Every structure is written in structure tokens, then in C-alpha cells.
Amino acid sequence: MNIEIQPVIVPTKGTGTQFNLDSLKFPMFPTSVPFLWQVLTDEGIPVLEGNLYMDEETYNGWSNDDNYAIDWALNEIGLQRVV
């Protein structure tokens, strides 16, 4: 699921307007949970991407609302969701 974000201009790649966050695994006893994030154009072309690691305390605060993880990631990267 892509989330609409404030535009991010990457001169050599285009303008990213969508954000995607994927968990790479959910460990049974997490101390660090890895995520892959991407900023995409409207056409779905990646212009930025990287990995984030959610610490155990933050992970323990996450219930069944994926917006918690998305908002955490956006804050970590310094991006803003369009509301």
C-alpha cells in the first residue's frame, strides 16, 4: 500500500509522491525489526530507498494499526504524509 507524501524532488530520478514500507521479517523476540522503505513517483518508479530498523520498545508499541509503523518511518526519514 502506497501512502501519498509531500513531493520529494530527486534531480536525477524524478519527483517522489508515494511512500511504501515493507517489513522484511517479524522476529519472534524482536530487538530490531528491519523495514525496506521506498519513495516512488506517481508511475511507481523508485527515486529513493533504504532500510530502517525499529527498536524493541517502538515495536512493542505497535498494535494492529499499520499507520503506527508508517508514521514512525516517515518521521525517521523526515518525510511528511499528505493529509
PDB file of N, CA and C in Angstrom:
ATOM      1  N   MET A   1       0.846  -1.168   0.000  1.00  0.00           N
ATOM      2  CA  MET A   1       0.000   0.000   0.000  1.00  0.00           C
ATOM      3  C   MET A   1       0.894   1.236   0.000  1.00  0.00           C
ATOM      4  N   ASN A   2       0.696   2.098  -0.962  1.00  0.00           N
ATOM      5  CA  ASN A   2       1.455   3.328  -1.049  1.00  0.00           C
ATOM      6  C   ASN A   2       0.716   4.450  -0.324  1.00  0.00           C
ATOM      7  N   ILE A   3       1.481   5.299   0.348  1.00  0.00           N
ATOM      8  CA  ILE A   3       0.964   6.433   1.086  1.00  0.00           C
ATOM      9  C   ILE A   3       1.381   7.696   0.346  1.00  0.00           C
ATOM     10  N   GLU A   4       0.456   8.628   0.169  1.00  0.00           N
ATOM     11  CA  GLU A   4       0.790   9.884  -0.501  1.00  0.00           C
ATOM     12  C   GLU A   4       1.588  10.779   0.443  1.00  0.00           C
ATOM     13  N   ILE A   5       2.707  11.303  -0.076  1.00  0.00           N
ATOM     14  CA  ILE A   5       3.578  12.168   0.719  1.00  0.00           C
ATOM     15  C   ILE A   5       3.778  13.507   0.004  1.00  0.00           C
ATOM     16  N   GLN A   6       4.290  14.490   0.762  1.00  0.00           N
ATOM     17  CA  GLN A   6       4.688  15.755   0.153  1.00  0.00           C
ATOM     18  C   GLN A   6       5.768  15.440  -0.877  1.00  0.00           C
ATOM     19  N   PRO A   7       5.736  16.080  -2.036  1.00  0.00           N
ATOM     20  CA  PRO A   7       6.690  15.761  -3.103  1.00  0.00           C
ATOM     21  C   PRO A   7       8.152  15.884  -2.661  1.00  0.00           C
ATOM     22  N   VAL A   8       8.946  14.929  -3.128  1.00  0.00           N
ATOM     23  CA  VAL A   8      10.388  14.900  -2.901  1.00  0.00           C
ATOM     24  C   VAL A   8      11.038  14.905  -4.274  1.00  0.00           C
ATOM     25  N   ILE A   9      11.816  15.948  -4.560  1.00  0.00           N
ATOM     26  CA  ILE A   9      12.462  16.057  -5.870  1.00  0.00           C
ATOM     27  C   ILE A   9      13.870  15.478  -5.791  1.00  0.00           C
ATOM     28  N   VAL A  10      14.112  14.491  -6.644  1.00  0.00           N
ATOM     29  CA  VAL A  10      15.446  13.899  -6.778  1.00  0.00           C
ATOM     30  C   VAL A  10      15.887  14.248  -8.201  1.00  0.00           C
ATOM     31  N   PRO A  11      16.803  15.225  -8.336  1.00  0.00           N
ATOM     32  CA  PRO A  11      17.128  15.772  -9.660  1.00  0.00           C
ATOM     33  C   PRO A  11      17.430  14.747 -10.745  1.00  0.00           C
ATOM     34  N   THR A  12      18.101  13.669 -10.422  1.00  0.00           N
ATOM     35  CA  THR A  12      18.477  12.712 -11.463  1.00  0.00           C
ATOM     36  C   THR A  12      17.446  11.612 -11.679  1.00  0.00           C
ATOM     37  N   LYS A  13      16.395  11.588 -10.842  1.00  0.00           N
ATOM     38  CA  LYS A  13      15.448  10.471 -10.926  1.00  0.00           C
ATOM     39  C   LYS A  13      13.989  10.872 -11.083  1.00  0.00           C
ATOM     40  N   GLY A  14      13.598  12.029 -10.600  1.00  0.00           N
ATOM     41  CA  GLY A  14      12.211  12.445 -10.711  1.00  0.00           C
ATOM     42  C   GLY A  14      11.660  12.943  -9.389  1.00  0.00           C
ATOM     43  N   THR A  15      10.342  13.042  -9.335  1.00  0.00           N
ATOM     44  CA  THR A  15       9.667  13.541  -8.138  1.00  0.00           C
ATOM     45  C   THR A  15       8.894  12.416  -7.481  1.00  0.00           C
ATOM     46  N   GLY A  16       9.246  12.150  -6.233  1.00  0.00           N
ATOM     47  CA  GLY A  16       8.546  11.123  -5.476  1.00  0.00           C
ATOM     48  C   GLY A  16       7.338  11.696  -4.765  1.00  0.00           C
ATOM     49  N   THR A  17       6.217  11.017  -4.897  1.00  0.00           N
ATOM     50  CA  THR A  17       4.972  11.459  -4.257  1.00  0.00           C
ATOM     51  C   THR A  17       4.312  10.340  -3.466  1.00  0.00           C
ATOM     52  N   GLN A  18       4.880   9.146  -3.526  1.00  0.00           N
ATOM     53  CA  GLN A  18       4.314   7.982  -2.854  1.00  0.00           C
ATOM     54  C   GLN A  18       5.368   7.357  -1.944  1.00  0.00           C
ATOM     55  N   PHE A  19       4.921   6.780  -0.832  1.00  0.00           N
ATOM     56  CA  PHE A  19       5.817   6.131   0.121  1.00  0.00           C
ATOM     57  C   PHE A  19       5.332   4.711   0.348  1.00  0.00           C
ATOM     58  N   ASN A  20       6.272   3.785   0.362  1.00  0.00           N
ATOM     59  CA  ASN A  20       5.945   2.389   0.615  1.00  0.00           C
ATOM     60  C   ASN A  20       6.878   1.860   1.696  1.00  0.00           C
ATOM     61  N   LEU A  21       6.316   1.072   2.617  1.00  0.00           N
ATOM     62  CA  LEU A  21       7.090   0.481   3.707  1.00  0.00           C
ATOM     63  C   LEU A  21       6.777  -1.003   3.773  1.00  0.00           C
ATOM     64  N   ASP A  22       7.813  -1.815   3.718  1.00  0.00           N
ATOM     65  CA  ASP A  22       7.650  -3.266   3.799  1.00  0.00           C
ATOM     66  C   ASP A  22       8.514  -3.809   4.922  1.00  0.00           C
ATOM     67  N   SER A  23       7.917  -4.651   5.758  1.00  0.00           N
ATOM     68  CA  SER A  23       8.700  -5.330   6.785  1.00  0.00           C
ATOM     69  C   SER A  23       9.420  -6.485   6.129  1.00  0.00           C
ATOM     70  N   LEU A  24      10.686  -6.625   6.452  1.00  0.00           N
ATOM     71  CA  LEU A  24      11.471  -7.706   5.877  1.00  0.00           C
ATOM     72  C   LEU A  24      11.315  -8.998   6.658  1.00  0.00           C
ATOM     73  N   LYS A  25      10.980  -8.898   7.961  1.00  0.00           N
ATOM     74  CA  LYS A  25      10.672 -10.069   8.770  1.00  0.00           C
ATOM     75  C   LYS A  25      10.127  -9.599  10.112  1.00  0.00           C
ATOM     76  N   PHE A  26       9.395 -10.477  10.760  1.00  0.00           N
ATOM     77  CA  PHE A  26       8.863 -10.214  12.091  1.00  0.00           C
ATOM     78  C   PHE A  26       9.448 -11.250  13.039  1.00  0.00           C
ATOM     79  N   PRO A  27      10.540 -10.927  13.727  1.00  0.00           N
ATOM     80  CA  PRO A  27      11.142 -11.899  14.633  1.00  0.00           C
ATOM     81  C   PRO A  27      10.249 -12.177  15.836  1.00  0.00           C
ATOM     82  N   MET A  28      10.318 -13.383  16.356  1.00  0.00           N
ATOM     83  CA  MET A  28       9.503 -13.759  17.499  1.00  0.00           C
ATOM     84  C   MET A  28       9.891 -12.958  18.746  1.00  0.00           C
ATOM     85  N   PHE A  29      11.184 -12.737  18.928  1.00  0.00           N
ATOM     86  CA  PHE A  29      11.674 -11.959  20.063  1.00  0.00           C
ATOM     87  C   PHE A  29      12.484 -10.784  19.508  1.00  0.00           C
ATOM     88  N   PRO A  30      11.783  -9.720  19.103  1.00  0.00           N
ATOM     89  CA  PRO A  30      12.464  -8.645  18.377  1.00  0.00           C
ATOM     90  C   PRO A  30      13.348  -7.771  19.266  1.00  0.00           C
ATOM     91  N   THR A  31      14.514  -7.502  18.780  1.00  0.00           N
ATOM     92  CA  THR A  31      15.345  -6.448  19.346  1.00  0.00           C
ATOM     93  C   THR A  31      15.550  -5.374  18.284  1.00  0.00           C
ATOM     94  N   SER A  32      15.357  -5.768  17.023  1.00  0.00           N
ATOM     95  CA  SER A  32      15.464  -4.862  15.895  1.00  0.00           C
ATOM     96  C   SER A  32      14.676  -5.465  14.729  1.00  0.00           C
ATOM     97  N   VAL A  33      13.677  -4.732  14.244  1.00  0.00           N
ATOM     98  CA  VAL A  33      12.831  -5.225  13.150  1.00  0.00           C
ATOM     99  C   VAL A  33      13.176  -4.444  11.880  1.00  0.00           C
ATOM    100  N   PRO A  34      13.634  -5.133  10.825  1.00  0.00           N
ATOM    101  CA  PRO A  34      14.054  -4.440   9.610  1.00  0.00           C
ATOM    102  C   PRO A  34      12.886  -4.113   8.671  1.00  0.00           C
ATOM    103  N   PHE A  35      12.976  -2.946   8.052  1.00  0.00           N
ATOM    104  CA  PHE A  35      11.999  -2.492   7.066  1.00  0.00           C
ATOM    105  C   PHE A  35      12.736  -1.964   5.840  1.00  0.00           C
ATOM    106  N   LEU A  36      12.132  -2.165   4.683  1.00  0.00           N
ATOM    107  CA  LEU A  36      12.579  -1.544   3.441  1.00  0.00           C
ATOM    108  C   LEU A  36      11.594  -0.423   3.141  1.00  0.00           C
ATOM    109  N   TRP A  37      12.093   0.779   2.911  1.00  0.00           N
ATOM    110  CA  TRP A  37      11.224   1.887   2.531  1.00  0.00           C
ATOM    111  C   TRP A  37      11.599   2.374   1.137  1.00  0.00           C
ATOM    112  N   GLN A  38      10.583   2.916   0.438  1.00  0.00           N
ATOM    113  CA  GLN A  38      10.803   3.465  -0.897  1.00  0.00           C
ATOM    114  C   GLN A  38       9.965   4.721  -1.072  1.00  0.00           C
ATOM    115  N   VAL A  39      10.538   5.684  -1.776  1.00  0.00           N
ATOM    116  CA  VAL A  39       9.801   6.844  -2.275  1.00  0.00           C
ATOM    117  C   VAL A  39       9.661   6.625  -3.765  1.00  0.00           C
ATOM    118  N   LEU A  40       8.419   6.698  -4.246  1.00  0.00           N
ATOM    119  CA  LEU A  40       8.106   6.366  -5.639  1.00  0.00           C
ATOM    120  C   LEU A  40       7.463   7.543  -6.359  1.00  0.00           C
ATOM    121  N   THR A  41       7.617   7.580  -7.675  1.00  0.00           N
ATOM    122  CA  THR A  41       6.894   8.549  -8.496  1.00  0.00           C
ATOM    123  C   THR A  41       5.439   8.103  -8.609  1.00  0.00           C
ATOM    124  N   ASP A  42       4.616   8.944  -9.218  1.00  0.00           N
ATOM    125  CA  ASP A  42       3.219   8.558  -9.462  1.00  0.00           C
ATOM    126  C   ASP A  42       3.124   7.302 -10.321  1.00  0.00           C
ATOM    127  N   GLU A  43       4.152   7.071 -11.129  1.00  0.00           N
ATOM    128  CA  GLU A  43       4.179   5.900 -12.016  1.00  0.00           C
ATOM    129  C   GLU A  43       4.737   4.664 -11.312  1.00  0.00           C
ATOM    130  N   GLY A  44       5.146   4.790 -10.051  1.00  0.00           N
ATOM    131  CA  GLY A  44       5.661   3.654  -9.301  1.00  0.00           C
ATOM    132  C   GLY A  44       7.148   3.414  -9.457  1.00  0.00           C
ATOM    133  N   ILE A  45       7.872   4.390  -9.994  1.00  0.00           N
ATOM    134  CA  ILE A  45       9.321   4.257 -10.177  1.00  0.00           C
ATOM    135  C   ILE A  45      10.031   4.741  -8.910  1.00  0.00           C
ATOM    136  N   PRO A  46      10.883   3.906  -8.315  1.00  0.00           N
ATOM    137  CA  PRO A  46      11.596   4.319  -7.105  1.00  0.00           C
ATOM    138  C   PRO A  46      12.592   5.442  -7.383  1.00  0.00           C
ATOM    139  N   VAL A  47      12.572   6.471  -6.523  1.00  0.00           N
ATOM    140  CA  VAL A  47      13.551   7.555  -6.619  1.00  0.00           C
ATOM    141  C   VAL A  47      14.474   7.569  -5.392  1.00  0.00           C
ATOM    142  N   LEU A  48      14.023   7.000  -4.298  1.00  0.00           N
ATOM    143  CA  LEU A  48      14.818   6.849  -3.079  1.00  0.00           C
ATOM    144  C   LEU A  48      14.407   5.555  -2.404  1.00  0.00           C
ATOM    145  N   GLU A  49      15.343   4.920  -1.707  1.00  0.00           N
ATOM    146  CA  GLU A  49      15.002   3.748  -0.922  1.00  0.00           C
ATOM    147  C   GLU A  49      16.094   3.481   0.099  1.00  0.00           C
ATOM    148  N   GLY A  50      15.739   2.709   1.097  1.00  0.00           N
ATOM    149  CA  GLY A  50      16.713   2.384   2.123  1.00  0.00           C
ATOM    150  C   GLY A  50      16.124   1.419   3.134  1.00  0.00           C
ATOM    151  N   ASN A  51      16.882   1.163   4.174  1.00  0.00           N
ATOM    152  CA  ASN A  51      16.450   0.272   5.252  1.00  0.00           C
ATOM    153  C   ASN A  51      16.345   1.054   6.551  1.00  0.00           C
ATOM    154  N   LEU A  52      15.381   0.672   7.364  1.00  0.00           N
ATOM    155  CA  LEU A  52      15.198   1.207   8.706  1.00  0.00           C
ATOM    156  C   LEU A  52      15.089   0.036   9.660  1.00  0.00           C
ATOM    157  N   TYR A  53      15.452   0.274  10.908  1.00  0.00           N
ATOM    158  CA  TYR A  53      15.367  -0.769  11.921  1.00  0.00           C
ATOM    159  C   TYR A  53      14.606  -0.229  13.125  1.00  0.00           C
ATOM    160  N   MET A  54      13.457  -0.841  13.408  1.00  0.00           N
ATOM    161  CA  MET A  54      12.628  -0.440  14.537  1.00  0.00           C
ATOM    162  C   MET A  54      13.125  -1.152  15.783  1.00  0.00           C
ATOM    163  N   ASP A  55      13.382  -0.365  16.840  1.00  0.00           N
ATOM    164  CA  ASP A  55      13.872  -0.970  18.080  1.00  0.00           C
ATOM    165  C   ASP A  55      12.738  -1.683  18.822  1.00  0.00           C
ATOM    166  N   GLU A  56      13.115  -2.465  19.801  1.00  0.00           N
ATOM    167  CA  GLU A  56      12.157  -3.305  20.525  1.00  0.00           C
ATOM    168  C   GLU A  56      11.076  -2.487  21.223  1.00  0.00           C
ATOM    169  N   GLU A  57      11.441  -1.377  21.833  1.00  0.00           N
ATOM    170  CA  GLU A  57      10.458  -0.556  22.546  1.00  0.00           C
ATOM    171  C   GLU A  57       9.414   0.020  21.593  1.00  0.00           C
ATOM    172  N   THR A  58       9.857   0.528  20.463  1.00  0.00           N
ATOM    173  CA  THR A  58       8.933   1.064  19.459  1.00  0.00           C
ATOM    174  C   THR A  58       8.060  -0.054  18.907  1.00  0.00           C
ATOM    175  N   TYR A  59       8.671  -1.188  18.602  1.00  0.00           N
ATOM    176  CA  TYR A  59       7.929  -2.337  18.072  1.00  0.00           C
ATOM    177  C   TYR A  59       6.834  -2.781  19.048  1.00  0.00           C
ATOM    178  N   ASN A  60       7.144  -2.787  20.342  1.00  0.00           N
ATOM    179  CA  ASN A  60       6.162  -3.209  21.347  1.00  0.00           C
ATOM    180  C   ASN A  60       4.962  -2.261  21.423  1.00  0.00           C
ATOM    181  N   GLY A  61       5.117  -1.021  20.974  1.00  0.00           N
ATOM    182  CA  GLY A  61       4.003  -0.075  20.953  1.00  0.00           C
ATOM    183  C   GLY A  61       3.093  -0.219  19.747  1.00  0.00           C
ATOM    184  N   TRP A  62       3.492  -1.042  18.794  1.00  0.00           N
ATOM    185  CA  TRP A  62       2.743  -1.236  17.549  1.00  0.00           C
ATOM    186  C   TRP A  62       1.683  -2.309  17.774  1.00  0.00           C
ATOM    187  N   SER A  63       0.441  -1.965  17.516  1.00  0.00           N
ATOM    188  CA  SER A  63      -0.640  -2.955  17.640  1.00  0.00           C
ATOM    189  C   SER A  63      -1.014  -3.439  16.243  1.00  0.00           C
ATOM    190  N   ASN A  64      -2.277  -3.380  15.903  1.00  0.00           N
ATOM    191  CA  ASN A  64      -2.712  -3.831  14.576  1.00  0.00           C
ATOM    192  C   ASN A  64      -2.903  -2.677  13.601  1.00  0.00           C
ATOM    193  N   ASP A  65      -2.510  -1.456  13.980  1.00  0.00           N
ATOM    194  CA  ASP A  65      -2.652  -0.282  13.112  1.00  0.00           C
ATOM    195  C   ASP A  65      -1.329  -0.017  12.389  1.00  0.00           C
ATOM    196  N   ASP A  66      -1.287  -0.323  11.102  1.00  0.00           N
ATOM    197  CA  ASP A  66      -0.058  -0.141  10.337  1.00  0.00           C
ATOM    198  C   ASP A  66       0.351   1.321  10.195  1.00  0.00           C
ATOM    199  N   ASN A  67      -0.583   2.241  10.428  1.00  0.00           N
ATOM    200  CA  ASN A  67      -0.225   3.657  10.387  1.00  0.00           C
ATOM    201  C   ASN A  67       0.835   3.990  11.429  1.00  0.00           C
ATOM    202  N   TYR A  68       0.872   3.257  12.518  1.00  0.00           N
ATOM    203  CA  TYR A  68       1.894   3.446  13.547  1.00  0.00           C
ATOM    204  C   TYR A  68       3.282   3.269  12.943  1.00  0.00           C
ATOM    205  N   ALA A  69       3.490   2.181  12.216  1.00  0.00           N
ATOM    206  CA  ALA A  69       4.789   1.907  11.599  1.00  0.00           C
ATOM    207  C   ALA A  69       5.082   2.888  10.470  1.00  0.00           C
ATOM    208  N   ILE A  70       4.076   3.213   9.682  1.00  0.00           N
ATOM    209  CA  ILE A  70       4.266   4.157   8.575  1.00  0.00           C
ATOM    210  C   ILE A  70       4.648   5.531   9.112  1.00  0.00           C
ATOM    211  N   ASP A  71       3.916   6.013  10.118  1.00  0.00           N
ATOM    212  CA  ASP A  71       4.225   7.322  10.690  1.00  0.00           C
ATOM    213  C   ASP A  71       5.598   7.325  11.350  1.00  0.00           C
ATOM    214  N   TRP A  72       5.971   6.236  12.010  1.00  0.00           N
ATOM    215  CA  TRP A  72       7.300   6.109  12.595  1.00  0.00           C
ATOM    216  C   TRP A  72       8.370   6.240  11.508  1.00  0.00           C
ATOM    217  N   ALA A  73       8.196   5.505  10.410  1.00  0.00           N
ATOM    218  CA  ALA A  73       9.178   5.517   9.322  1.00  0.00           C
ATOM    219  C   ALA A  73       9.266   6.898   8.676  1.00  0.00           C
ATOM    220  N   LEU A  74       8.125   7.517   8.400  1.00  0.00           N
ATOM    221  CA  LEU A  74       8.133   8.851   7.802  1.00  0.00           C
ATOM    222  C   LEU A  74       8.884   9.832   8.691  1.00  0.00           C
ATOM    223  N   ASN A  75       8.661   9.744   9.986  1.00  0.00           N
ATOM    224  CA  ASN A  75       9.349  10.619  10.933  1.00  0.00           C
ATOM    225  C   ASN A  75      10.855  10.354  10.933  1.00  0.00           C
ATOM    226  N   GLU A  76      11.239   9.090  10.910  1.00  0.00           N
ATOM    227  CA  GLU A  76      12.661   8.726  10.900  1.00  0.00           C
ATOM    228  C   GLU A  76      13.381   9.255   9.660  1.00  0.00           C
ATOM    229  N   ILE A  77      12.688   9.240   8.531  1.00  0.00           N
ATOM    230  CA  ILE A  77      13.298   9.650   7.261  1.00  0.00           C
ATOM    231  C   ILE A  77      13.170  11.152   7.045  1.00  0.00           C
ATOM    232  N   GLY A  78      12.183  11.775   7.692  1.00  0.00           N
ATOM    233  CA  GLY A  78      11.977  13.216   7.530  1.00  0.00           C
ATOM    234  C   GLY A  78      11.023  13.560   6.398  1.00  0.00           C
ATOM    235  N   LEU A  79      10.070  12.664   6.143  1.00  0.00           N
ATOM    236  CA  LEU A  79       9.066  12.908   5.106  1.00  0.00           C
ATOM    237  C   LEU A  79       7.727  13.230   5.759  1.00  0.00           C
ATOM    238  N   GLN A  80       6.836  13.853   4.977  1.00  0.00           N
ATOM    239  CA  GLN A  80       5.520  14.204   5.507  1.00  0.00           C
ATOM    240  C   GLN A  80       4.419  13.609   4.660  1.00  0.00           C
ATOM    241  N   ARG A  81       3.452  13.030   5.339  1.00  0.00           N
ATOM    242  CA  ARG A  81       2.271  12.461   4.705  1.00  0.00           C
ATOM    243  C   ARG A  81       1.355  13.600   4.253  1.00  0.00           C
ATOM    244  N   VAL A  82       0.688  13.409   3.117  1.00  0.00           N
ATOM    245  CA  VAL A  82      -0.335  14.360   2.672  1.00  0.00           C
ATOM    246  C   VAL A  82      -1.615  14.006   3.399  1.00  0.00           C
ATOM    247  N   VAL A  83      -2.214  15.009   4.039  1.00  0.00           N
ATOM    248  CA  VAL A  83      -3.466  14.765   4.784  1.00  0.00           C
ATOM    249  C   VAL A  83      -4.632  15.416   4.120  1.00  0.00           C
TER     250      VAL A  83
END
